[in-house]
Amino acid sequence: MNAPYCCPNCKTNRSRFNIIEQVSKSVKMDPASGETIEEYSANNLSPFHIPYKGPDYKVQCAACGLVEDEKTFIAFGEKK
């Protein structure tokens, strides 16, 4: 998070952003009711449950509301 950002949508915002920390929770749900049946820990996943491999952070532009991966905002921030 120590890189300049620029919003790829509105292309003018370089200073106002919301940093969203993503914390995943692995669960097994009842397909009929949507109720959580079981929660898994990171080292106790079932054989058919793939662990979350997405980004740790998302960024939201506080001017236009766009939410994207941090890498996207950094890539546009480095262009100038």
PDB file of N, CA and C in Angstrom:
ATOM      1  N   MET A   1       0.808  -1.197   0.000  1.00  0.00           N
ATOM      2  CA  MET A   1       0.000   0.000   0.000  1.00  0.00           C
ATOM      3  C   MET A   1       0.855   1.265   0.000  1.00  0.00           C
ATOM      4  N   ASN A   2       2.102   1.163  -0.331  1.00  0.00           N
ATOM      5  CA  ASN A   2       2.952   2.347  -0.392  1.00  0.00           C
ATOM      6  C   ASN A   2       3.275   2.685  -1.839  1.00  0.00           C
ATOM      7  N   ALA A   3       2.239   2.880  -2.618  1.00  0.00           N
ATOM      8  CA  ALA A   3       2.388   3.256  -4.014  1.00  0.00           C
ATOM      9  C   ALA A   3       1.284   4.260  -4.336  1.00  0.00           C
ATOM     10  N   PRO A   4       1.517   5.135  -5.290  1.00  0.00           N
ATOM     11  CA  PRO A   4       0.460   6.081  -5.651  1.00  0.00           C
ATOM     12  C   PRO A   4      -0.706   5.366  -6.329  1.00  0.00           C
ATOM     13  N   TYR A   5      -1.907   5.793  -5.997  1.00  0.00           N
ATOM     14  CA  TYR A   5      -3.128   5.260  -6.595  1.00  0.00           C
ATOM     15  C   TYR A   5      -3.722   6.297  -7.540  1.00  0.00           C
ATOM     16  N   CYS A   6      -4.453   5.816  -8.510  1.00  0.00           N
ATOM     17  CA  CYS A   6      -5.314   6.653  -9.334  1.00  0.00           C
ATOM     18  C   CYS A   6      -6.499   5.790  -9.747  1.00  0.00           C
ATOM     19  N   CYS A   7      -7.695   6.355  -9.682  1.00  0.00           N
ATOM     20  CA  CYS A   7      -8.887   5.592 -10.032  1.00  0.00           C
ATOM     21  C   CYS A   7      -8.922   5.347 -11.541  1.00  0.00           C
ATOM     22  N   PRO A   8      -9.052   4.076 -11.960  1.00  0.00           N
ATOM     23  CA  PRO A   8      -9.107   3.779 -13.392  1.00  0.00           C
ATOM     24  C   PRO A   8     -10.448   4.161 -14.022  1.00  0.00           C
ATOM     25  N   ASN A   9     -11.449   4.457 -13.210  1.00  0.00           N
ATOM     26  CA  ASN A   9     -12.762   4.815 -13.739  1.00  0.00           C
ATOM     27  C   ASN A   9     -12.904   6.325 -13.936  1.00  0.00           C
ATOM     28  N   CYS A  10     -12.764   7.078 -12.854  1.00  0.00           N
ATOM     29  CA  CYS A  10     -12.942   8.535 -12.971  1.00  0.00           C
ATOM     30  C   CYS A  10     -11.650   9.235 -13.388  1.00  0.00           C
ATOM     31  N   LYS A  11     -10.525   8.584 -13.263  1.00  0.00           N
ATOM     32  CA  LYS A  11      -9.207   9.030 -13.727  1.00  0.00           C
ATOM     33  C   LYS A  11      -8.719  10.353 -13.133  1.00  0.00           C
ATOM     34  N   THR A  12      -9.427  10.894 -12.147  1.00  0.00           N
ATOM     35  CA  THR A  12      -8.987  12.157 -11.532  1.00  0.00           C
ATOM     36  C   THR A  12      -8.635  11.984 -10.065  1.00  0.00           C
ATOM     37  N   ASN A  13      -9.259  11.021  -9.386  1.00  0.00           N
ATOM     38  CA  ASN A  13      -9.023  10.838  -7.960  1.00  0.00           C
ATOM     39  C   ASN A  13      -7.667  10.181  -7.730  1.00  0.00           C
ATOM     40  N   ARG A  14      -6.810  10.871  -6.975  1.00  0.00           N
ATOM     41  CA  ARG A  14      -5.504  10.331  -6.610  1.00  0.00           C
ATOM     42  C   ARG A  14      -5.288  10.355  -5.105  1.00  0.00           C
ATOM     43  N   SER A  15      -6.328  10.752  -4.335  1.00  0.00           N
ATOM     44  CA  SER A  15      -6.075  10.925  -2.900  1.00  0.00           C
ATOM     45  C   SER A  15      -7.133  10.356  -1.969  1.00  0.00           C
ATOM     46  N   ARG A  16      -8.329  10.050  -2.419  1.00  0.00           N
ATOM     47  CA  ARG A  16      -9.393   9.604  -1.514  1.00  0.00           C
ATOM     48  C   ARG A  16      -9.857   8.192  -1.877  1.00  0.00           C
ATOM     49  N   PHE A  17      -9.532   7.251  -0.970  1.00  0.00           N
ATOM     50  CA  PHE A  17      -9.837   5.849  -1.226  1.00  0.00           C
ATOM     51  C   PHE A  17     -10.267   5.158   0.056  1.00  0.00           C
ATOM     52  N   ASN A  18     -11.006   4.091  -0.084  1.00  0.00           N
ATOM     53  CA  ASN A  18     -11.347   3.206   1.028  1.00  0.00           C
ATOM     54  C   ASN A  18     -10.600   1.897   0.806  1.00  0.00           C
ATOM     55  N   ILE A  19      -9.808   1.487   1.789  1.00  0.00           N
ATOM     56  CA  ILE A  19      -9.076   0.222   1.729  1.00  0.00           C
ATOM     57  C   ILE A  19      -9.941  -0.826   2.412  1.00  0.00           C
ATOM     58  N   ILE A  20     -10.261  -1.892   1.695  1.00  0.00           N
ATOM     59  CA  ILE A  20     -11.140  -2.939   2.198  1.00  0.00           C
ATOM     60  C   ILE A  20     -10.300  -4.185   2.459  1.00  0.00           C
ATOM     61  N   GLU A  21     -10.201  -4.575   3.722  1.00  0.00           N
ATOM     62  CA  GLU A  21      -9.477  -5.800   4.067  1.00  0.00           C
ATOM     63  C   GLU A  21     -10.427  -6.973   3.892  1.00  0.00           C
ATOM     64  N   GLN A  22      -9.976  -7.966   3.150  1.00  0.00           N
ATOM     65  CA  GLN A  22     -10.805  -9.135   2.902  1.00  0.00           C
ATOM     66  C   GLN A  22     -10.386 -10.267   3.830  1.00  0.00           C
ATOM     67  N   VAL A  23     -11.325 -10.764   4.587  1.00  0.00           N
ATOM     68  CA  VAL A  23     -11.096 -11.891   5.476  1.00  0.00           C
ATOM     69  C   VAL A  23     -12.085 -12.972   5.082  1.00  0.00           C
ATOM     70  N   SER A  24     -11.565 -14.081   4.599  1.00  0.00           N
ATOM     71  CA  SER A  24     -12.465 -15.148   4.163  1.00  0.00           C
ATOM     72  C   SER A  24     -12.784 -16.093   5.316  1.00  0.00           C
ATOM     73  N   LYS A  25     -13.971 -16.673   5.233  1.00  0.00           N
ATOM     74  CA  LYS A  25     -14.395 -17.672   6.206  1.00  0.00           C
ATOM     75  C   LYS A  25     -14.902 -18.860   5.403  1.00  0.00           C
ATOM     76  N   SER A  26     -14.285 -20.009   5.588  1.00  0.00           N
ATOM     77  CA  SER A  26     -14.669 -21.208   4.851  1.00  0.00           C
ATOM     78  C   SER A  26     -15.814 -21.899   5.578  1.00  0.00           C
ATOM     79  N   VAL A  27     -16.912 -22.104   4.853  1.00  0.00           N
ATOM     80  CA  VAL A  27     -18.096 -22.711   5.452  1.00  0.00           C
ATOM     81  C   VAL A  27     -18.708 -23.735   4.507  1.00  0.00           C
ATOM     82  N   LYS A  28     -19.496 -24.627   5.084  1.00  0.00           N
ATOM     83  CA  LYS A  28     -20.329 -25.550   4.321  1.00  0.00           C
ATOM     84  C   LYS A  28     -21.768 -25.156   4.634  1.00  0.00           C
ATOM     85  N   MET A  29     -22.577 -24.955   3.577  1.00  0.00           N
ATOM     86  CA  MET A  29     -23.953 -24.489   3.771  1.00  0.00           C
ATOM     87  C   MET A  29     -24.958 -25.536   3.327  1.00  0.00           C
ATOM     88  N   ASP A  30     -26.104 -25.519   3.968  1.00  0.00           N
ATOM     89  CA  ASP A  30     -27.211 -26.366   3.569  1.00  0.00           C
ATOM     90  C   ASP A  30     -27.755 -25.808   2.247  1.00  0.00           C
ATOM     91  N   PRO A  31     -27.817 -26.621   1.189  1.00  0.00           N
ATOM     92  CA  PRO A  31     -28.242 -26.104  -0.107  1.00  0.00           C
ATOM     93  C   PRO A  31     -29.713 -25.675  -0.151  1.00  0.00           C
ATOM     94  N   ALA A  32     -30.535 -26.216   0.707  1.00  0.00           N
ATOM     95  CA  ALA A  32     -31.963 -25.871   0.692  1.00  0.00           C
ATOM     96  C   ALA A  32     -32.264 -24.611   1.497  1.00  0.00           C
ATOM     97  N   SER A  33     -31.664 -24.496   2.684  1.00  0.00           N
ATOM     98  CA  SER A  33     -31.999 -23.376   3.566  1.00  0.00           C
ATOM     99  C   SER A  33     -30.962 -22.252   3.555  1.00  0.00           C
ATOM    100  N   GLY A  34     -29.730 -22.548   3.129  1.00  0.00           N
ATOM    101  CA  GLY A  34     -28.658 -21.552   3.166  1.00  0.00           C
ATOM    102  C   GLY A  34     -28.026 -21.414   4.534  1.00  0.00           C
ATOM    103  N   GLU A  35     -28.456 -22.237   5.477  1.00  0.00           N
ATOM    104  CA  GLU A  35     -27.918 -22.200   6.839  1.00  0.00           C
ATOM    105  C   GLU A  35     -26.506 -22.791   6.861  1.00  0.00           C
ATOM    106  N   THR A  36     -25.624 -22.195   7.662  1.00  0.00           N
ATOM    107  CA  THR A  36     -24.267 -22.707   7.800  1.00  0.00           C
ATOM    108  C   THR A  36     -24.283 -23.994   8.605  1.00  0.00           C
ATOM    109  N   ILE A  37     -23.753 -25.055   8.004  1.00  0.00           N
ATOM    110  CA  ILE A  37     -23.703 -26.371   8.654  1.00  0.00           C
ATOM    111  C   ILE A  37     -22.385 -26.538   9.394  1.00  0.00           C
ATOM    112  N   GLU A  38     -21.303 -26.074   8.754  1.00  0.00           N
ATOM    113  CA  GLU A  38     -19.973 -26.287   9.323  1.00  0.00           C
ATOM    114  C   GLU A  38     -19.053 -25.154   8.918  1.00  0.00           C
ATOM    115  N   GLU A  39     -18.157 -24.751   9.841  1.00  0.00           N
ATOM    116  CA  GLU A  39     -17.108 -23.776   9.543  1.00  0.00           C
ATOM    117  C   GLU A  39     -15.779 -24.507   9.583  1.00  0.00           C
ATOM    118  N   TYR A  40     -14.910 -24.178   8.629  1.00  0.00           N
ATOM    119  CA  TYR A  40     -13.605 -24.808   8.543  1.00  0.00           C
ATOM    120  C   TYR A  40     -12.520 -23.816   8.925  1.00  0.00           C
ATOM    121  N   SER A  41     -11.453 -24.322   9.526  1.00  0.00           N
ATOM    122  CA  SER A  41     -10.283 -23.478   9.761  1.00  0.00           C
ATOM    123  C   SER A  41      -9.368 -23.617   8.545  1.00  0.00           C
ATOM    124  N   ALA A  42      -8.384 -22.760   8.424  1.00  0.00           N
ATOM    125  CA  ALA A  42      -7.494 -22.766   7.258  1.00  0.00           C
ATOM    126  C   ALA A  42      -6.735 -24.084   7.114  1.00  0.00           C
ATOM    127  N   ASN A  43      -6.420 -24.732   8.222  1.00  0.00           N
ATOM    128  CA  ASN A  43      -5.672 -25.996   8.140  1.00  0.00           C
ATOM    129  C   ASN A  43      -6.560 -27.215   8.346  1.00  0.00           C
ATOM    130  N   ASN A  44      -7.881 -27.029   8.315  1.00  0.00           N
ATOM    131  CA  ASN A  44      -8.807 -28.137   8.521  1.00  0.00           C
ATOM    132  C   ASN A  44      -9.908 -28.125   7.454  1.00  0.00           C
ATOM    133  N   LEU A  45      -9.548 -27.890   6.189  1.00  0.00           N
ATOM    134  CA  LEU A  45     -10.533 -27.877   5.110  1.00  0.00           C
ATOM    135  C   LEU A  45     -10.859 -29.296   4.672  1.00  0.00           C
ATOM    136  N   SER A  46     -12.063 -29.488   4.192  1.00  0.00           N
ATOM    137  CA  SER A  46     -12.421 -30.799   3.663  1.00  0.00           C
ATOM    138  C   SER A  46     -11.702 -30.999   2.331  1.00  0.00           C
ATOM    139  N   PRO A  47     -11.583 -32.245   1.863  1.00  0.00           N
ATOM    140  CA  PRO A  47     -10.858 -32.500   0.611  1.00  0.00           C
ATOM    141  C   PRO A  47     -11.466 -31.802  -0.612  1.00  0.00           C
ATOM    142  N   PHE A  48     -12.756 -31.451  -0.567  1.00  0.00           N
ATOM    143  CA  PHE A  48     -13.418 -30.835  -1.712  1.00  0.00           C
ATOM    144  C   PHE A  48     -13.542 -29.317  -1.580  1.00  0.00           C
ATOM    145  N   HIS A  49     -12.893 -28.733  -0.586  1.00  0.00           N
ATOM    146  CA  HIS A  49     -12.999 -27.297  -0.331  1.00  0.00           C
ATOM    147  C   HIS A  49     -11.681 -26.614  -0.684  1.00  0.00           C
ATOM    148  N   ILE A  50     -11.686 -25.782  -1.718  1.00  0.00           N
ATOM    149  CA  ILE A  50     -10.488 -25.064  -2.152  1.00  0.00           C
ATOM    150  C   ILE A  50     -10.324 -23.827  -1.278  1.00  0.00           C
ATOM    151  N   PRO A  51      -9.133 -23.588  -0.739  1.00  0.00           N
ATOM    152  CA  PRO A  51      -8.931 -22.399   0.095  1.00  0.00           C
ATOM    153  C   PRO A  51      -8.994 -21.115  -0.734  1.00  0.00           C
ATOM    154  N   TYR A  52      -9.360 -20.002  -0.086  1.00  0.00           N
ATOM    155  CA  TYR A  52      -9.429 -18.698  -0.748  1.00  0.00           C
ATOM    156  C   TYR A  52      -8.046 -18.261  -1.179  1.00  0.00           C
ATOM    157  N   LYS A  53      -7.926 -17.841  -2.428  1.00  0.00           N
ATOM    158  CA  LYS A  53      -6.636 -17.404  -2.955  1.00  0.00           C
ATOM    159  C   LYS A  53      -6.728 -16.015  -3.571  1.00  0.00           C
ATOM    160  N   GLY A  54      -7.743 -15.252  -3.202  1.00  0.00           N
ATOM    161  CA  GLY A  54      -7.921 -13.912  -3.750  1.00  0.00           C
ATOM    162  C   GLY A  54      -7.042 -12.895  -3.052  1.00  0.00           C
ATOM    163  N   PRO A  55      -7.194 -11.628  -3.432  1.00  0.00           N
ATOM    164  CA  PRO A  55      -6.357 -10.573  -2.852  1.00  0.00           C
ATOM    165  C   PRO A  55      -6.726 -10.299  -1.398  1.00  0.00           C
ATOM    166  N   ASP A  56      -5.743  -9.850  -0.617  1.00  0.00           N
ATOM    167  CA  ASP A  56      -5.980  -9.489   0.783  1.00  0.00           C
ATOM    168  C   ASP A  56      -6.715  -8.163   0.891  1.00  0.00           C
ATOM    169  N   TYR A  57      -6.534  -7.307  -0.116  1.00  0.00           N
ATOM    170  CA  TYR A  57      -7.133  -5.976  -0.087  1.00  0.00           C
ATOM    171  C   TYR A  57      -7.872  -5.680  -1.375  1.00  0.00           C
ATOM    172  N   LYS A  58      -8.944  -4.938  -1.274  1.00  0.00           N
ATOM    173  CA  LYS A  58      -9.624  -4.311  -2.403  1.00  0.00           C
ATOM    174  C   LYS A  58      -9.592  -2.826  -2.111  1.00  0.00           C
ATOM    175  N   VAL A  59      -9.722  -2.017  -3.138  1.00  0.00           N
ATOM    176  CA  VAL A  59      -9.711  -0.571  -2.976  1.00  0.00           C
ATOM    177  C   VAL A  59     -10.987  -0.018  -3.594  1.00  0.00           C
ATOM    178  N   GLN A  60     -11.598   0.941  -2.895  1.00  0.00           N
ATOM    179  CA  GLN A  60     -12.762   1.629  -3.431  1.00  0.00           C
ATOM    180  C   GLN A  60     -12.411   3.099  -3.617  1.00  0.00           C
ATOM    181  N   CYS A  61     -12.719   3.630  -4.780  1.00  0.00           N
ATOM    182  CA  CYS A  61     -12.541   5.053  -5.035  1.00  0.00           C
ATOM    183  C   CYS A  61     -13.607   5.792  -4.233  1.00  0.00           C
ATOM    184  N   ALA A  62     -13.185   6.750  -3.418  1.00  0.00           N
ATOM    185  CA  ALA A  62     -14.129   7.493  -2.589  1.00  0.00           C
ATOM    186  C   ALA A  62     -14.796   8.623  -3.369  1.00  0.00           C
ATOM    187  N   ALA A  63     -14.465   8.773  -4.655  1.00  0.00           N
ATOM    188  CA  ALA A  63     -15.113   9.783  -5.489  1.00  0.00           C
ATOM    189  C   ALA A  63     -16.230   9.174  -6.342  1.00  0.00           C
ATOM    190  N   CYS A  64     -15.947   8.032  -6.984  1.00  0.00           N
ATOM    191  CA  CYS A  64     -16.969   7.443  -7.877  1.00  0.00           C
ATOM    192  C   CYS A  64     -17.524   6.114  -7.378  1.00  0.00           C
ATOM    193  N   GLY A  65     -16.857   5.472  -6.393  1.00  0.00           N
ATOM    194  CA  GLY A  65     -17.372   4.237  -5.808  1.00  0.00           C
ATOM    195  C   GLY A  65     -16.861   2.952  -6.425  1.00  0.00           C
ATOM    196  N   LEU A  66     -16.020   3.021  -7.442  1.00  0.00           N
ATOM    197  CA  LEU A  66     -15.491   1.817  -8.086  1.00  0.00           C
ATOM    198  C   LEU A  66     -14.705   0.976  -7.089  1.00  0.00           C
ATOM    199  N   VAL A  67     -14.937  -0.344  -7.073  1.00  0.00           N
ATOM    200  CA  VAL A  67     -14.194  -1.275  -6.228  1.00  0.00           C
ATOM    201  C   VAL A  67     -13.414  -2.222  -7.135  1.00  0.00           C
ATOM    202  N   GLU A  68     -12.094  -2.259  -6.955  1.00  0.00           N
ATOM    203  CA  GLU A  68     -11.217  -3.111  -7.765  1.00  0.00           C
ATOM    204  C   GLU A  68     -10.071  -3.630  -6.911  1.00  0.00           C
ATOM    205  N   ASP A  69      -9.270  -4.525  -7.499  1.00  0.00           N
ATOM    206  CA  ASP A  69      -8.048  -4.981  -6.842  1.00  0.00           C
ATOM    207  C   ASP A  69      -7.089  -3.808  -6.675  1.00  0.00           C
ATOM    208  N   GLU A  70      -6.296  -3.864  -5.641  1.00  0.00           N
ATOM    209  CA  GLU A  70      -5.322  -2.809  -5.371  1.00  0.00           C
ATOM    210  C   GLU A  70      -4.360  -2.634  -6.548  1.00  0.00           C
ATOM    211  N   LYS A  71      -3.989  -3.733  -7.199  1.00  0.00           N
ATOM    212  CA  LYS A  71      -3.051  -3.683  -8.325  1.00  0.00           C
ATOM    213  C   LYS A  71      -3.545  -2.762  -9.451  1.00  0.00           C
ATOM    214  N   THR A  72      -4.849  -2.745  -9.667  1.00  0.00           N
ATOM    215  CA  THR A  72      -5.418  -1.910 -10.721  1.00  0.00           C
ATOM    216  C   THR A  72      -5.218  -0.431 -10.418  1.00  0.00           C
ATOM    217  N   PHE A  73      -5.481  -0.029  -9.162  1.00  0.00           N
ATOM    218  CA  PHE A  73      -5.307   1.363  -8.762  1.00  0.00           C
ATOM    219  C   PHE A  73      -3.825   1.759  -8.801  1.00  0.00           C
ATOM    220  N   ILE A  74      -2.944   0.833  -8.419  1.00  0.00           N
ATOM    221  CA  ILE A  74      -1.500   1.106  -8.448  1.00  0.00           C
ATOM    222  C   ILE A  74      -1.031   1.277  -9.892  1.00  0.00           C
ATOM    223  N   ALA A  75      -1.495   0.414 -10.791  1.00  0.00           N
ATOM    224  CA  ALA A  75      -1.095   0.506 -12.200  1.00  0.00           C
ATOM    225  C   ALA A  75      -1.485   1.859 -12.796  1.00  0.00           C
ATOM    226  N   PHE A  76      -2.684   2.339 -12.506  1.00  0.00           N
ATOM    227  CA  PHE A  76      -3.105   3.644 -13.008  1.00  0.00           C
ATOM    228  C   PHE A  76      -2.395   4.779 -12.282  1.00  0.00           C
ATOM    229  N   GLY A  77      -2.015   4.563 -11.027  1.00  0.00           N
ATOM    230  CA  GLY A  77      -1.299   5.583 -10.271  1.00  0.00           C
ATOM    231  C   GLY A  77       0.118   5.798 -10.758  1.00  0.00           C
ATOM    232  N   GLU A  78       0.723   4.761 -11.328  1.00  0.00           N
ATOM    233  CA  GLU A  78       2.096   4.864 -11.824  1.00  0.00           C
ATOM    234  C   GLU A  78       2.162   5.536 -13.192  1.00  0.00           C
ATOM    235  N   LYS A  79       1.031   5.548 -13.912  1.00  0.00           N
ATOM    236  CA  LYS A  79       0.978   6.219 -15.213  1.00  0.00           C
ATOM    237  C   LYS A  79       0.821   7.713 -15.003  1.00  0.00           C
ATOM    238  N   LYS A  80       1.628   8.495 -15.641  1.00  0.00           N
ATOM    239  CA  LYS A  80       1.458   9.945 -15.613  1.00  0.00           C
ATOM    240  C   LYS A  80       2.431  10.632 -16.506  1.00  0.00           C
TER     241      LYS A  80
END
